Amino acid sequence: MSEKVKETIVDEAYRVKALSQDAVRSGAYLYPLRGIVYFVTHRDLWQPLWIKLTPTLTLGVGVTTAMFLFTYLPQLAVLAFTSGPLAVISTTLLVLSESSTIVTVLSKTFLIEDALIDTFDGTLVSKNMTNMVSEGRQIKSGNNSMAKLGKLAKKPFAKFTPKALIRYLMYLPLNFIPVVGSVLFVILQGKRVGPNAHSRYFQLKQWSETRKEEFVHQHQAAYTSFGVASVLLELVPVASIFFAFTNTVGAALWAADLERGETTAPNLKEQARKAE
């Protein structure tokens, strides 16, 4: 029995090592950072964020205040046993990250869904991917990438479903395990967030659900690494909504590179062609 356990652990270690190497080679984890730079240096992409800034900030203040009023003390009591004298700091950071996650989820579901789609499409247009974007919306004349976006044909971004909420709540207790638990929580969330970031790209490519799932499965490491980087940024208190937009820009930049074959993982481009 002990030999089987040892063999299983060794096999899992090799699998994790292989996935980690694939993630590093893909360079996908860099796109959220590239998204920040590109967003900051392209003022026309700011428009969707400015329009939604006031309601999202109001939501953020309300959620964060409620979380500290109703969840801080109960979580402090639990973390006192696992974090000792650092419990106050750990609990504060945990509540802030939970608040950021809740604000991001609610905002993406009810407030900024269309704005994120516009940001994704606008980024593609700025990268001369107008023909691709025209598969999902009207394109008109304009003096910048956002002004060229016409009527939207379809909305690809799935809302936060009850299933996803249940999964999130199931993973949440991992944060009570110092360091290791938080790392696992971020990785599990990243595994979900990564593929979702390209839902618009898959729609514009007109891929079937089967083709999309095959492509994501073949490049699970790349999508997970992108998702982990995105989740870490969106956990930053107050700035989570800003990073939701920059992560969307990063996802669009990645999609544009895939189309041009300029991604740091050439096999992704090859697989994209095979999926068509």
C-alpha atoms as a PDB file:
ATOM      1  CA  MET A   1       0.000   0.000   0.000  1.00  0.00           C
ATOM      2  CA  SER A   2       2.799   2.397   0.918  1.00  0.00           C
ATOM      3  CA  GLU A   3       4.496   1.687  -2.425  1.00  0.00           C
ATOM      4  CA  LYS A   4       1.337   2.599  -4.316  1.00  0.00           C
ATOM      5  CA  VAL A   5       1.025   5.840  -2.374  1.00  0.00           C
ATOM      6  CA  LYS A   6       4.657   6.648  -3.052  1.00  0.00           C
ATOM      7  CA  GLU A   7       4.218   5.868  -6.753  1.00  0.00           C
ATOM      8  CA  THR A   8       1.121   8.069  -6.929  1.00  0.00           C
ATOM      9  CA  ILE A   9       2.923  10.960  -5.266  1.00  0.00           C
ATOM     10  CA  VAL A  10       5.881  10.628  -7.628  1.00  0.00           C
ATOM     11  CA  ASP A  11       3.607  10.503 -10.691  1.00  0.00           C
ATOM     12  CA  GLU A  12       1.703  13.565  -9.492  1.00  0.00           C
ATOM     13  CA  ALA A  13       4.967  15.399  -8.868  1.00  0.00           C
ATOM     14  CA  TYR A  14       6.123  14.706 -12.410  1.00  0.00           C
ATOM     15  CA  ARG A  15       2.758  15.844 -13.792  1.00  0.00           C
ATOM     16  CA  VAL A  16       2.886  19.097 -11.832  1.00  0.00           C
ATOM     17  CA  LYS A  17       6.478  19.638 -12.950  1.00  0.00           C
ATOM     18  CA  ALA A  18       5.532  19.084 -16.609  1.00  0.00           C
ATOM     19  CA  LEU A  19       2.574  21.469 -16.333  1.00  0.00           C
ATOM     20  CA  SER A  20       4.772  24.076 -14.653  1.00  0.00           C
ATOM     21  CA  GLN A  21       7.360  23.831 -17.414  1.00  0.00           C
ATOM     22  CA  ASP A  22       4.650  24.156 -20.071  1.00  0.00           C
ATOM     23  CA  ALA A  23       3.260  27.202 -18.275  1.00  0.00           C
ATOM     24  CA  VAL A  24       6.661  28.888 -18.182  1.00  0.00           C
ATOM     25  CA  ARG A  25       7.362  28.117 -21.846  1.00  0.00           C
ATOM     26  CA  SER A  26       3.971  29.447 -22.919  1.00  0.00           C
ATOM     27  CA  GLY A  27       4.632  32.913 -21.499  1.00  0.00           C
ATOM     28  CA  ALA A  28       0.863  33.286 -21.099  1.00  0.00           C
ATOM     29  CA  TYR A  29       1.289  34.544 -17.532  1.00  0.00           C
ATOM     30  CA  LEU A  30       2.908  37.686 -18.941  1.00  0.00           C
ATOM     31  CA  TYR A  31      -0.180  38.821 -20.859  1.00  0.00           C
ATOM     32  CA  PRO A  32      -2.010  40.250 -17.807  1.00  0.00           C
ATOM     33  CA  LEU A  33       1.077  42.410 -17.199  1.00  0.00           C
ATOM     34  CA  ARG A  34       1.249  43.383 -20.861  1.00  0.00           C
ATOM     35  CA  GLY A  35      -2.422  44.245 -20.626  1.00  0.00           C
ATOM     36  CA  ILE A  36      -1.689  46.816 -17.917  1.00  0.00           C
ATOM     37  CA  VAL A  37       0.956  48.541 -20.026  1.00  0.00           C
ATOM     38  CA  TYR A  38      -1.150  48.481 -23.177  1.00  0.00           C
ATOM     39  CA  PHE A  39      -4.252  49.770 -21.402  1.00  0.00           C
ATOM     40  CA  VAL A  40      -2.385  52.633 -19.724  1.00  0.00           C
ATOM     41  CA  THR A  41      -0.735  53.702 -22.998  1.00  0.00           C
ATOM     42  CA  HIS A  42      -3.914  53.573 -25.134  1.00  0.00           C
ATOM     43  CA  ARG A  43      -6.322  56.191 -23.806  1.00  0.00           C
ATOM     44  CA  ASP A  44      -9.134  55.254 -26.190  1.00  0.00           C
ATOM     45  CA  LEU A  45      -9.494  51.952 -24.283  1.00  0.00           C
ATOM     46  CA  TRP A  46     -10.279  53.848 -21.071  1.00  0.00           C
ATOM     47  CA  GLN A  47     -13.786  54.831 -22.167  1.00  0.00           C
ATOM     48  CA  PRO A  48     -15.645  51.666 -21.015  1.00  0.00           C
ATOM     49  CA  LEU A  49     -13.960  51.832 -17.603  1.00  0.00           C
ATOM     50  CA  TRP A  50     -14.771  55.517 -17.062  1.00  0.00           C
ATOM     51  CA  ILE A  51     -18.436  54.919 -17.846  1.00  0.00           C
ATOM     52  CA  LYS A  52     -18.703  52.173 -15.222  1.00  0.00           C
ATOM     53  CA  LEU A  53     -16.333  53.631 -12.628  1.00  0.00           C
ATOM     54  CA  THR A  54     -18.875  55.288 -10.311  1.00  0.00           C
ATOM     55  CA  PRO A  55     -21.278  52.332  -9.906  1.00  0.00           C
ATOM     56  CA  THR A  56     -18.429  49.836  -9.447  1.00  0.00           C
ATOM     57  CA  LEU A  57     -16.725  52.005  -6.810  1.00  0.00           C
ATOM     58  CA  THR A  58     -20.036  52.356  -4.982  1.00  0.00           C
ATOM     59  CA  LEU A  59     -20.494  48.593  -5.083  1.00  0.00           C
ATOM     60  CA  GLY A  60     -16.938  48.091  -3.845  1.00  0.00           C
ATOM     61  CA  VAL A  61     -17.360  50.349  -0.825  1.00  0.00           C
ATOM     62  CA  GLY A  62     -20.670  48.706   0.084  1.00  0.00           C
ATOM     63  CA  VAL A  63     -19.413  45.122  -0.204  1.00  0.00           C
ATOM     64  CA  THR A  64     -16.143  45.774   1.642  1.00  0.00           C
ATOM     65  CA  THR A  65     -17.946  47.546   4.498  1.00  0.00           C
ATOM     66  CA  ALA A  66     -20.470  44.710   4.828  1.00  0.00           C
ATOM     67  CA  MET A  67     -17.735  42.060   4.752  1.00  0.00           C
ATOM     68  CA  PHE A  68     -15.829  43.690   7.605  1.00  0.00           C
ATOM     69  CA  LEU A  69     -19.005  44.173   9.655  1.00  0.00           C
ATOM     70  CA  PHE A  70     -20.315  40.628   9.311  1.00  0.00           C
ATOM     71  CA  THR A  71     -17.383  38.315   8.497  1.00  0.00           C
ATOM     72  CA  TYR A  72     -14.253  39.774  10.068  1.00  0.00           C
ATOM     73  CA  LEU A  73     -14.721  38.551  13.656  1.00  0.00           C
ATOM     74  CA  PRO A  74     -15.855  34.998  12.770  1.00  0.00           C
ATOM     75  CA  GLN A  75     -12.887  34.522  10.437  1.00  0.00           C
ATOM     76  CA  LEU A  76     -10.537  36.074  12.999  1.00  0.00           C
ATOM     77  CA  ALA A  77     -11.657  33.467  15.522  1.00  0.00           C
ATOM     78  CA  VAL A  78     -10.788  30.653  13.105  1.00  0.00           C
ATOM     79  CA  LEU A  79      -7.472  32.105  11.954  1.00  0.00           C
ATOM     80  CA  ALA A  80      -6.405  32.692  15.544  1.00  0.00           C
ATOM     81  CA  PHE A  81      -5.836  28.933  15.771  1.00  0.00           C
ATOM     82  CA  THR A  82      -3.859  28.668  12.515  1.00  0.00           C
ATOM     83  CA  SER A  83      -2.022  31.985  12.264  1.00  0.00           C
ATOM     84  CA  GLY A  84      -1.445  32.826  15.923  1.00  0.00           C
ATOM     85  CA  PRO A  85      -0.337  36.426  16.517  1.00  0.00           C
ATOM     86  CA  LEU A  86      -0.542  37.132  12.790  1.00  0.00           C
ATOM     87  CA  ALA A  87      -4.269  36.389  12.786  1.00  0.00           C
ATOM     88  CA  VAL A  88      -5.296  40.064  12.691  1.00  0.00           C
ATOM     89  CA  ILE A  89      -3.192  40.748   9.599  1.00  0.00           C
ATOM     90  CA  SER A  90      -4.165  37.469   7.931  1.00  0.00           C
ATOM     91  CA  THR A  91      -7.863  38.071   8.546  1.00  0.00           C
ATOM     92  CA  THR A  92      -7.703  41.626   7.231  1.00  0.00           C
ATOM     93  CA  LEU A  93      -5.991  40.484   4.047  1.00  0.00           C
ATOM     94  CA  LEU A  94      -8.432  37.593   3.681  1.00  0.00           C
ATOM     95  CA  VAL A  95     -11.508  39.807   4.051  1.00  0.00           C
ATOM     96  CA  LEU A  96     -10.068  42.318   1.595  1.00  0.00           C
ATOM     97  CA  SER A  97      -9.360  39.599  -0.965  1.00  0.00           C
ATOM     98  CA  GLU A  98     -12.828  38.096  -0.462  1.00  0.00           C
ATOM     99  CA  SER A  99     -14.381  41.536  -0.890  1.00  0.00           C
ATOM    100  CA  SER A 100     -12.393  42.127  -4.082  1.00  0.00           C
ATOM    101  CA  THR A 101     -13.497  38.774  -5.465  1.00  0.00           C
ATOM    102  CA  ILE A 102     -17.158  39.388  -4.652  1.00  0.00           C
ATOM    103  CA  VAL A 103     -17.043  42.898  -6.151  1.00  0.00           C
ATOM    104  CA  THR A 104     -15.386  41.567  -9.307  1.00  0.00           C
ATOM    105  CA  VAL A 105     -17.929  38.751  -9.665  1.00  0.00           C
ATOM    106  CA  LEU A 106     -20.948  41.012  -9.108  1.00  0.00           C
ATOM    107  CA  SER A 107     -19.558  43.723 -11.381  1.00  0.00           C
ATOM    108  CA  LYS A 108     -18.810  41.310 -14.227  1.00  0.00           C
ATOM    109  CA  THR A 109     -22.273  39.795 -13.883  1.00  0.00           C
ATOM    110  CA  PHE A 110     -24.424  42.901 -13.519  1.00  0.00           C
ATOM    111  CA  LEU A 111     -22.418  46.051 -14.341  1.00  0.00           C
ATOM    112  CA  ILE A 112     -19.454  45.694 -16.674  1.00  0.00           C
ATOM    113  CA  GLU A 113     -20.142  42.700 -18.915  1.00  0.00           C
ATOM    114  CA  ASP A 114     -20.745  44.821 -22.032  1.00  0.00           C
ATOM    115  CA  ALA A 115     -17.873  47.134 -21.117  1.00  0.00           C
ATOM    116  CA  LEU A 116     -15.443  44.192 -20.971  1.00  0.00           C
ATOM    117  CA  ILE A 117     -16.640  42.921 -24.353  1.00  0.00           C
ATOM    118  CA  ASP A 118     -16.116  46.402 -25.807  1.00  0.00           C
ATOM    119  CA  THR A 119     -12.637  46.512 -24.272  1.00  0.00           C
ATOM    120  CA  PHE A 120     -11.720  43.106 -25.719  1.00  0.00           C
ATOM    121  CA  ASP A 121     -13.030  44.010 -29.189  1.00  0.00           C
ATOM    122  CA  GLY A 122     -11.484  47.473 -29.070  1.00  0.00           C
ATOM    123  CA  THR A 123      -8.095  45.985 -28.256  1.00  0.00           C
ATOM    124  CA  LEU A 124      -8.381  43.577 -31.202  1.00  0.00           C
ATOM    125  CA  VAL A 125      -9.307  46.455 -33.507  1.00  0.00           C
ATOM    126  CA  SER A 126      -6.294  48.415 -32.292  1.00  0.00           C
ATOM    127  CA  LYS A 127      -4.171  45.386 -33.252  1.00  0.00           C
ATOM    128  CA  ASN A 128      -5.643  45.413 -36.775  1.00  0.00           C
ATOM    129  CA  MET A 129      -7.924  42.431 -36.147  1.00  0.00           C
ATOM    130  CA  THR A 130     -10.983  44.217 -37.536  1.00  0.00           C
ATOM    131  CA  ASN A 131     -12.018  41.296 -39.742  1.00  0.00           C
ATOM    132  CA  MET A 132     -12.167  38.992 -36.739  1.00  0.00           C
ATOM    133  CA  VAL A 133     -14.182  41.454 -34.666  1.00  0.00           C
ATOM    134  CA  SER A 134     -16.634  41.910 -37.551  1.00  0.00           C
ATOM    135  CA  GLU A 135     -17.714  38.297 -36.975  1.00  0.00           C
ATOM    136  CA  GLY A 136     -19.298  39.351 -33.708  1.00  0.00           C
ATOM    137  CA  ARG A 137     -20.435  42.933 -34.176  1.00  0.00           C
ATOM    138  CA  GLN A 138     -20.854  45.750 -36.654  1.00  0.00           C
ATOM    139  CA  ILE A 139     -17.789  47.812 -37.518  1.00  0.00           C
ATOM    140  CA  LYS A 140     -18.188  51.474 -38.418  1.00  0.00           C
ATOM    141  CA  SER A 141     -15.869  54.331 -39.279  1.00  0.00           C
ATOM    142  CA  GLY A 142     -14.201  56.151 -36.408  1.00  0.00           C
ATOM    143  CA  ASN A 143     -11.068  57.970 -35.339  1.00  0.00           C
ATOM    144  CA  ASN A 144     -10.017  55.342 -32.776  1.00  0.00           C
ATOM    145  CA  SER A 145     -10.517  51.673 -31.995  1.00  0.00           C
ATOM    146  CA  MET A 146     -13.458  52.200 -29.607  1.00  0.00           C
ATOM    147  CA  ALA A 147     -15.249  54.587 -31.983  1.00  0.00           C
ATOM    148  CA  LYS A 148     -15.215  51.876 -34.668  1.00  0.00           C
ATOM    149  CA  LEU A 149     -17.255  49.447 -32.563  1.00  0.00           C
ATOM    150  CA  GLY A 150     -20.846  49.145 -33.706  1.00  0.00           C
ATOM    151  CA  LYS A 151     -23.827  47.126 -32.541  1.00  0.00           C
ATOM    152  CA  LEU A 152     -22.998  43.915 -30.694  1.00  0.00           C
ATOM    153  CA  ALA A 153     -24.295  40.701 -32.251  1.00  0.00           C
ATOM    154  CA  LYS A 154     -23.716  38.251 -29.390  1.00  0.00           C
ATOM    155  CA  LYS A 155     -22.585  38.263 -25.781  1.00  0.00           C
ATOM    156  CA  PRO A 156     -20.078  35.486 -25.122  1.00  0.00           C
ATOM    157  CA  PHE A 157     -19.171  36.138 -21.512  1.00  0.00           C
ATOM    158  CA  ALA A 158     -21.100  33.710 -19.327  1.00  0.00           C
ATOM    159  CA  LYS A 159     -22.535  35.170 -16.144  1.00  0.00           C
ATOM    160  CA  PHE A 160     -21.408  33.885 -12.774  1.00  0.00           C
ATOM    161  CA  THR A 161     -23.558  30.741 -12.493  1.00  0.00           C
ATOM    162  CA  PRO A 162     -24.786  29.102  -9.275  1.00  0.00           C
ATOM    163  CA  LYS A 163     -22.445  26.179 -10.053  1.00  0.00           C
ATOM    164  CA  ALA A 164     -19.461  28.524 -10.211  1.00  0.00           C
ATOM    165  CA  LEU A 165     -20.569  30.212  -6.972  1.00  0.00           C
ATOM    166  CA  ILE A 166     -20.841  26.870  -5.181  1.00  0.00           C
ATOM    167  CA  ARG A 167     -17.376  25.886  -6.443  1.00  0.00           C
ATOM    168  CA  TYR A 168     -15.955  29.196  -5.231  1.00  0.00           C
ATOM    169  CA  LEU A 169     -17.486  28.740  -1.764  1.00  0.00           C
ATOM    170  CA  MET A 170     -16.105  25.197  -1.614  1.00  0.00           C
ATOM    171  CA  TYR A 171     -12.608  26.454  -2.366  1.00  0.00           C
ATOM    172  CA  LEU A 172     -12.816  29.438  -0.008  1.00  0.00           C
ATOM    173  CA  PRO A 173     -11.961  27.485   3.198  1.00  0.00           C
ATOM    174  CA  LEU A 174      -8.557  26.698   1.664  1.00  0.00           C
ATOM    175  CA  ASN A 175      -7.568  30.229   2.650  1.00  0.00           C
ATOM    176  CA  PHE A 176      -7.657  29.175   6.300  1.00  0.00           C
ATOM    177  CA  ILE A 177      -4.597  26.986   5.625  1.00  0.00           C
ATOM    178  CA  PRO A 178      -1.562  29.283   5.853  1.00  0.00           C
ATOM    179  CA  VAL A 179       0.333  29.815   2.592  1.00  0.00           C
ATOM    180  CA  VAL A 180      -0.353  26.426   0.967  1.00  0.00           C
ATOM    181  CA  GLY A 181      -4.124  26.821   1.152  1.00  0.00           C
ATOM    182  CA  SER A 182      -4.060  30.284  -0.404  1.00  0.00           C
ATOM    183  CA  VAL A 183      -1.788  29.066  -3.208  1.00  0.00           C
ATOM    184  CA  LEU A 184      -4.146  26.180  -3.996  1.00  0.00           C
ATOM    185  CA  PHE A 185      -7.130  28.550  -3.940  1.00  0.00           C
ATOM    186  CA  VAL A 186      -5.512  30.881  -6.477  1.00  0.00           C
ATOM    187  CA  ILE A 187      -4.467  28.006  -8.759  1.00  0.00           C
ATOM    188  CA  LEU A 188      -7.944  26.454  -8.740  1.00  0.00           C
ATOM    189  CA  GLN A 189      -9.523  29.821  -9.494  1.00  0.00           C
ATOM    190  CA  GLY A 190      -6.942  30.455 -12.212  1.00  0.00           C
ATOM    191  CA  LYS A 191      -7.772  27.163 -13.883  1.00  0.00           C
ATOM    192  CA  ARG A 192     -11.345  28.432 -14.324  1.00  0.00           C
ATOM    193  CA  VAL A 193     -10.562  32.069 -15.118  1.00  0.00           C
ATOM    194  CA  GLY A 194      -7.968  31.389 -17.834  1.00  0.00           C
ATOM    195  CA  PRO A 195     -10.234  29.758 -20.453  1.00  0.00           C
ATOM    196  CA  ASN A 196     -13.095  32.146 -19.619  1.00  0.00           C
ATOM    197  CA  ALA A 197     -10.863  35.072 -20.601  1.00  0.00           C
ATOM    198  CA  HIS A 198     -10.896  33.796 -24.193  1.00  0.00           C
ATOM    199  CA  SER A 199     -14.623  33.120 -24.450  1.00  0.00           C
ATOM    200  CA  ARG A 200     -14.996  36.093 -26.812  1.00  0.00           C
ATOM    201  CA  TYR A 201     -12.036  34.899 -28.899  1.00  0.00           C
ATOM    202  CA  PHE A 202     -13.558  31.437 -29.257  1.00  0.00           C
ATOM    203  CA  GLN A 203     -16.859  32.973 -30.292  1.00  0.00           C
ATOM    204  CA  LEU A 204     -15.268  35.204 -32.916  1.00  0.00           C
ATOM    205  CA  LYS A 205     -13.438  32.140 -34.246  1.00  0.00           C
ATOM    206  CA  GLN A 206     -16.840  30.401 -34.422  1.00  0.00           C
ATOM    207  CA  TRP A 207     -15.485  27.322 -32.723  1.00  0.00           C
ATOM    208  CA  SER A 208     -17.831  24.642 -31.468  1.00  0.00           C
ATOM    209  CA  GLU A 209     -17.858  23.760 -27.775  1.00  0.00           C
ATOM    210  CA  THR A 210     -15.953  20.564 -28.563  1.00  0.00           C
ATOM    211  CA  ARG A 211     -13.181  22.371 -30.432  1.00  0.00           C
ATOM    212  CA  LYS A 212     -12.877  24.936 -27.686  1.00  0.00           C
ATOM    213  CA  GLU A 213     -12.636  22.285 -24.964  1.00  0.00           C
ATOM    214  CA  GLU A 214     -10.015  20.344 -26.920  1.00  0.00           C
ATOM    215  CA  PHE A 215      -7.899  23.458 -27.449  1.00  0.00           C
ATOM    216  CA  VAL A 216      -8.126  24.480 -23.789  1.00  0.00           C
ATOM    217  CA  HIS A 217      -7.327  20.934 -22.627  1.00  0.00           C
ATOM    218  CA  GLN A 218      -4.261  20.757 -24.858  1.00  0.00           C
ATOM    219  CA  HIS A 219      -2.997  24.043 -23.419  1.00  0.00           C
ATOM    220  CA  GLN A 220      -4.242  23.783 -19.873  1.00  0.00           C
ATOM    221  CA  ALA A 221      -0.922  24.973 -18.432  1.00  0.00           C
ATOM    222  CA  ALA A 222      -0.912  28.166 -20.503  1.00  0.00           C
ATOM    223  CA  TYR A 223      -4.496  29.028 -19.644  1.00  0.00           C
ATOM    224  CA  THR A 224      -4.003  28.216 -15.973  1.00  0.00           C
ATOM    225  CA  SER A 225      -0.892  30.411 -15.780  1.00  0.00           C
ATOM    226  CA  PHE A 226      -2.794  33.271 -17.431  1.00  0.00           C
ATOM    227  CA  GLY A 227      -5.681  32.703 -15.025  1.00  0.00           C
ATOM    228  CA  VAL A 228      -3.446  32.635 -11.945  1.00  0.00           C
ATOM    229  CA  ALA A 229      -1.802  35.930 -12.910  1.00  0.00           C
ATOM    230  CA  SER A 230      -5.229  37.451 -13.554  1.00  0.00           C
ATOM    231  CA  VAL A 231      -6.680  36.219 -10.262  1.00  0.00           C
ATOM    232  CA  LEU A 232      -3.727  37.578  -8.285  1.00  0.00           C
ATOM    233  CA  LEU A 233      -4.195  41.012  -9.830  1.00  0.00           C
ATOM    234  CA  GLU A 234      -7.956  41.020  -9.258  1.00  0.00           C
ATOM    235  CA  LEU A 235      -7.434  40.137  -5.594  1.00  0.00           C
ATOM    236  CA  VAL A 236      -5.792  43.520  -5.039  1.00  0.00           C
ATOM    237  CA  PRO A 237      -8.208  45.579  -2.897  1.00  0.00           C
ATOM    238  CA  VAL A 238      -9.826  48.627  -4.530  1.00  0.00           C
ATOM    239  CA  ALA A 239      -7.969  48.095  -7.834  1.00  0.00           C
ATOM    240  CA  SER A 240      -9.714  44.812  -8.702  1.00  0.00           C
ATOM    241  CA  ILE A 241     -12.061  46.405 -11.257  1.00  0.00           C
ATOM    242  CA  PHE A 242      -9.182  48.213 -12.956  1.00  0.00           C
ATOM    243  CA  PHE A 243      -7.358  44.916 -13.295  1.00  0.00           C
ATOM    244  CA  ALA A 244     -10.493  43.239 -14.639  1.00  0.00           C
ATOM    245  CA  PHE A 245     -10.228  45.611 -17.611  1.00  0.00           C
ATOM    246  CA  THR A 246      -6.459  45.258 -18.016  1.00  0.00           C
ATOM    247  CA  ASN A 247      -6.758  41.459 -17.845  1.00  0.00           C
ATOM    248  CA  THR A 248      -9.318  41.659 -20.635  1.00  0.00           C
ATOM    249  CA  VAL A 249      -6.854  43.717 -22.670  1.00  0.00           C
ATOM    250  CA  GLY A 250      -4.176  41.112 -21.955  1.00  0.00           C
ATOM    251  CA  ALA A 251      -6.464  38.322 -23.142  1.00  0.00           C
ATOM    252  CA  ALA A 252      -7.155  40.227 -26.364  1.00  0.00           C
ATOM    253  CA  LEU A 253      -3.425  40.807 -26.934  1.00  0.00           C
ATOM    254  CA  TRP A 254      -2.865  37.079 -26.503  1.00  0.00           C
ATOM    255  CA  ALA A 255      -5.638  36.317 -29.004  1.00  0.00           C
ATOM    256  CA  ALA A 256      -4.115  38.745 -31.519  1.00  0.00           C
ATOM    257  CA  ASP A 257      -0.706  37.116 -31.121  1.00  0.00           C
ATOM    258  CA  LEU A 258      -2.246  33.685 -31.626  1.00  0.00           C
ATOM    259  CA  GLU A 259      -3.746  34.858 -34.902  1.00  0.00           C
ATOM    260  CA  ARG A 260      -0.434  36.291 -36.068  1.00  0.00           C
ATOM    261  CA  GLY A 261       1.674  33.427 -34.792  1.00  0.00           C
ATOM    262  CA  GLU A 262       3.634  35.799 -32.548  1.00  0.00           C
ATOM    263  CA  THR A 263       2.867  34.120 -29.240  1.00  0.00           C
ATOM    264  CA  THR A 264       5.765  32.840 -27.172  1.00  0.00           C
ATOM    265  CA  ALA A 265       4.244  29.358 -27.457  1.00  0.00           C
ATOM    266  CA  PRO A 266       4.256  28.540 -31.214  1.00  0.00           C
ATOM    267  CA  ASN A 267       2.401  25.249 -30.734  1.00  0.00           C
ATOM    268  CA  LEU A 268      -0.656  27.215 -29.602  1.00  0.00           C
ATOM    269  CA  LYS A 269      -0.904  28.749 -33.073  1.00  0.00           C
ATOM    270  CA  GLU A 270      -0.543  25.337 -34.685  1.00  0.00           C
ATOM    271  CA  GLN A 271      -3.301  23.889 -32.527  1.00  0.00           C
ATOM    272  CA  ALA A 272      -5.529  26.866 -33.277  1.00  0.00           C
ATOM    273  CA  ARG A 273      -5.190  26.155 -36.982  1.00  0.00           C
ATOM    274  CA  LYS A 274      -5.982  22.476 -36.483  1.00  0.00           C
ATOM    275  CA  ALA A 275      -9.130  23.395 -34.569  1.00  0.00           C
ATOM    276  CA  GLU A 276     -10.549  25.288 -37.536  1.00  0.00           C
END
